Protein backbone atom coordinates (compact mmCIF):
# COMPACT_ATOMS: atom_id res chain seq x y z
CA MET A 1 46.07 -26.32 0.22
CA LYS A 2 44.85 -23.76 -2.30
CA ALA A 3 41.28 -23.77 -3.54
CA GLN A 4 42.45 -24.73 -7.05
CA ASP A 5 44.38 -27.71 -5.62
CA ARG A 6 41.34 -28.80 -3.59
CA GLU A 7 39.16 -28.65 -6.70
CA ALA A 8 41.68 -30.70 -8.67
CA GLU A 9 41.83 -33.27 -5.87
CA THR A 10 38.02 -33.47 -5.69
CA LEU A 11 37.87 -33.95 -9.46
CA ARG A 12 40.52 -36.69 -9.33
CA ARG A 13 38.61 -38.51 -6.55
CA ALA A 14 35.33 -38.21 -8.48
CA ILE A 15 36.89 -39.72 -11.62
CA GLU A 16 38.52 -42.50 -9.60
CA GLY A 17 35.18 -43.24 -7.94
CA LEU A 18 33.43 -43.40 -11.29
CA GLN A 19 36.12 -45.70 -12.69
CA ARG A 20 35.79 -47.96 -9.65
CA LEU A 21 32.00 -48.08 -10.03
CA SER A 22 32.32 -48.90 -13.72
CA GLU A 23 34.75 -51.74 -13.02
CA LEU A 24 32.55 -53.10 -10.22
CA PHE A 25 29.44 -53.01 -12.41
CA GLU A 26 31.29 -55.00 -15.08
CA LEU A 27 32.57 -57.45 -12.47
CA ARG A 28 29.07 -57.92 -11.08
CA ARG A 29 27.58 -58.32 -14.57
CA GLY A 30 30.08 -61.10 -15.22
CA GLN A 31 29.22 -62.77 -11.92
CA LEU A 32 25.49 -62.64 -12.67
CA ALA A 33 26.02 -64.10 -16.14
CA ARG A 34 28.25 -66.89 -14.84
CA GLU A 35 25.69 -67.82 -12.16
CA VAL A 36 23.48 -69.14 -14.98
CA GLY A 37 26.23 -70.38 -17.28
CA LEU A 38 26.38 -67.38 -19.61
CA THR A 39 29.06 -64.94 -20.65
CA PRO A 40 28.30 -61.21 -20.45
CA PRO A 41 28.07 -60.99 -24.29
CA GLN A 42 25.59 -63.88 -24.32
CA TRP A 43 23.50 -62.14 -21.68
CA ARG A 44 23.50 -58.91 -23.72
CA VAL A 45 22.36 -60.77 -26.84
CA LEU A 46 19.59 -62.58 -24.92
CA GLU A 47 18.41 -59.26 -23.47
CA GLU A 48 18.30 -57.72 -26.93
CA ILE A 49 16.48 -60.69 -28.47
CA ALA A 50 13.91 -60.46 -25.67
CA THR A 51 13.01 -56.95 -26.90
CA GLU A 52 12.02 -58.50 -30.25
CA ARG A 53 13.95 -55.79 -32.11
CA PHE A 54 17.16 -57.78 -32.51
CA MET A 55 19.18 -57.32 -35.66
CA PRO A 56 22.69 -58.79 -35.39
CA SER A 57 24.36 -56.19 -37.62
CA LEU A 58 22.87 -53.24 -35.71
CA PHE A 59 23.64 -54.88 -32.40
CA ALA A 60 27.27 -55.39 -33.48
CA ARG A 61 27.58 -51.77 -34.60
CA ARG A 62 26.07 -50.36 -31.39
CA ARG A 63 28.32 -52.55 -29.26
CA GLU A 64 31.35 -51.89 -31.44
CA GLN A 65 31.75 -55.62 -31.98
CA SER A 66 32.44 -57.49 -35.17
CA ALA A 67 29.55 -59.19 -36.93
CA ALA A 68 31.56 -62.43 -36.65
CA ALA A 69 31.72 -62.12 -32.85
CA VAL A 70 27.95 -61.59 -32.63
CA SER A 71 27.36 -64.53 -35.00
CA LYS A 72 29.54 -66.75 -32.84
CA THR A 73 27.60 -65.73 -29.73
CA LEU A 74 24.32 -66.42 -31.52
CA ARG A 75 25.48 -69.86 -32.67
CA GLY A 76 26.34 -70.76 -29.09
CA LEU A 77 22.93 -69.64 -27.85
CA ILE A 78 21.16 -71.56 -30.62
CA GLU A 79 23.22 -74.69 -29.88
CA ARG A 80 22.19 -74.44 -26.23
CA ASP A 81 18.54 -74.18 -27.32
CA LEU A 82 18.17 -70.75 -25.74
CA VAL A 83 17.39 -69.01 -29.05
CA THR A 84 15.68 -70.02 -32.29
CA VAL A 85 16.16 -68.46 -35.68
CA ALA A 86 13.82 -68.47 -38.67
CA VAL A 87 13.50 -66.65 -41.96
CA SER A 88 11.43 -63.52 -41.45
CA SER A 89 7.89 -63.73 -42.76
CA ALA A 90 8.02 -59.98 -43.47
CA ASP A 91 11.33 -60.02 -45.40
CA GLY A 92 12.98 -63.20 -46.61
CA ARG A 93 16.40 -61.55 -46.43
CA GLN A 94 16.04 -61.10 -42.67
CA ARG A 95 16.11 -63.58 -39.79
CA ASP A 96 13.83 -63.55 -36.78
CA TYR A 97 15.48 -64.48 -33.49
CA ARG A 98 13.33 -65.56 -30.56
CA LEU A 99 14.01 -66.80 -27.07
CA THR A 100 13.03 -70.40 -26.49
CA PRO A 101 11.20 -71.32 -23.28
CA ALA A 102 14.62 -72.34 -21.87
CA GLY A 103 16.04 -68.97 -22.91
CA ARG A 104 13.19 -67.11 -21.20
CA ARG A 105 13.65 -69.16 -18.02
CA LEU A 106 17.41 -68.49 -17.99
CA LEU A 107 16.90 -64.77 -18.52
CA ALA A 108 14.31 -64.75 -15.72
CA ARG A 109 16.86 -66.37 -13.40
CA VAL A 110 19.40 -63.65 -14.21
CA HIS A 111 16.78 -60.98 -13.61
CA ARG A 112 15.87 -62.48 -10.23
CA SER A 113 19.54 -62.55 -9.18
CA ARG A 114 19.99 -58.97 -10.35
CA GLU A 115 16.89 -57.85 -8.43
CA ARG A 116 18.21 -59.50 -5.23
CA ALA A 117 21.51 -57.66 -5.68
CA ILE A 118 19.75 -54.36 -6.31
CA GLU A 119 17.68 -54.86 -3.17
CA ALA A 120 20.75 -55.72 -1.08
CA ILE A 121 22.83 -52.80 -2.35
CA TRP A 122 20.42 -49.99 -3.14
CA ALA A 123 17.29 -50.47 -1.00
CA ASP A 124 18.43 -48.75 2.17
CA LEU A 125 20.09 -45.76 0.49
CA ASP A 126 18.63 -42.37 1.30
CA PRO A 127 15.94 -41.65 -1.34
CA VAL A 128 16.91 -37.96 -1.56
CA GLU A 129 20.58 -38.79 -2.11
CA LEU A 130 19.62 -41.50 -4.59
CA GLY A 131 17.50 -39.02 -6.55
CA ARG A 132 20.34 -36.52 -6.54
CA PHE A 133 22.74 -39.24 -7.73
CA ALA A 134 20.35 -40.32 -10.50
CA ARG A 135 20.06 -36.75 -11.80
CA PHE A 136 23.82 -36.23 -11.60
CA ALA A 137 24.55 -39.56 -13.33
CA ALA A 138 22.14 -38.72 -16.17
CA ALA A 139 23.65 -35.26 -16.62
CA LEU A 140 27.19 -36.67 -16.58
CA ALA A 141 26.24 -39.38 -19.10
CA ASP A 142 24.73 -36.73 -21.38
CA ARG A 143 27.94 -34.69 -21.19
CA LEU A 144 30.11 -37.73 -21.90
CA GLU A 145 27.95 -38.72 -24.88
CA ALA A 146 28.11 -35.20 -26.30
CA TYR A 147 31.87 -35.01 -25.82
CA ALA A 148 32.36 -38.43 -27.43
CA ALA A 149 30.17 -37.42 -30.39
CA GLU A 150 32.25 -34.26 -30.90
CA ALA A 151 35.43 -36.33 -30.79
CA GLU A 152 34.02 -38.60 -33.54
CA ASP A 153 33.48 -35.64 -35.89
């Protein structure tokens, strides 16, 4: 096999590995959400509300979702008493979303499950290899973001 063919094969395997990891992360995210009776979009909204910077329209834009889809998710979380909404004291045109005590407990349960999974999967990996992987993943993500931004122009 020629060097060029070996490089192409290595590249193909790397992309396949990344695709597999991406799919498995999404699968696991869905499993973690379902363990506590959430959907992955509900979990994402709860996480964002927990940061206390939640604005539905910005969230929808960043996630490339419709405002209607985010509103539907919010309604479901409010109906389950996981989130409250009130008119903002700073700007009457805005709404303040907050986690209820039940919402905080549910999010804590998801975080505990995620931490157990991280411990089971990542804890015994070689720290040097893990550091190398972290640097490579960050560099690859930067390159993908830059390429995607160029494609948008």
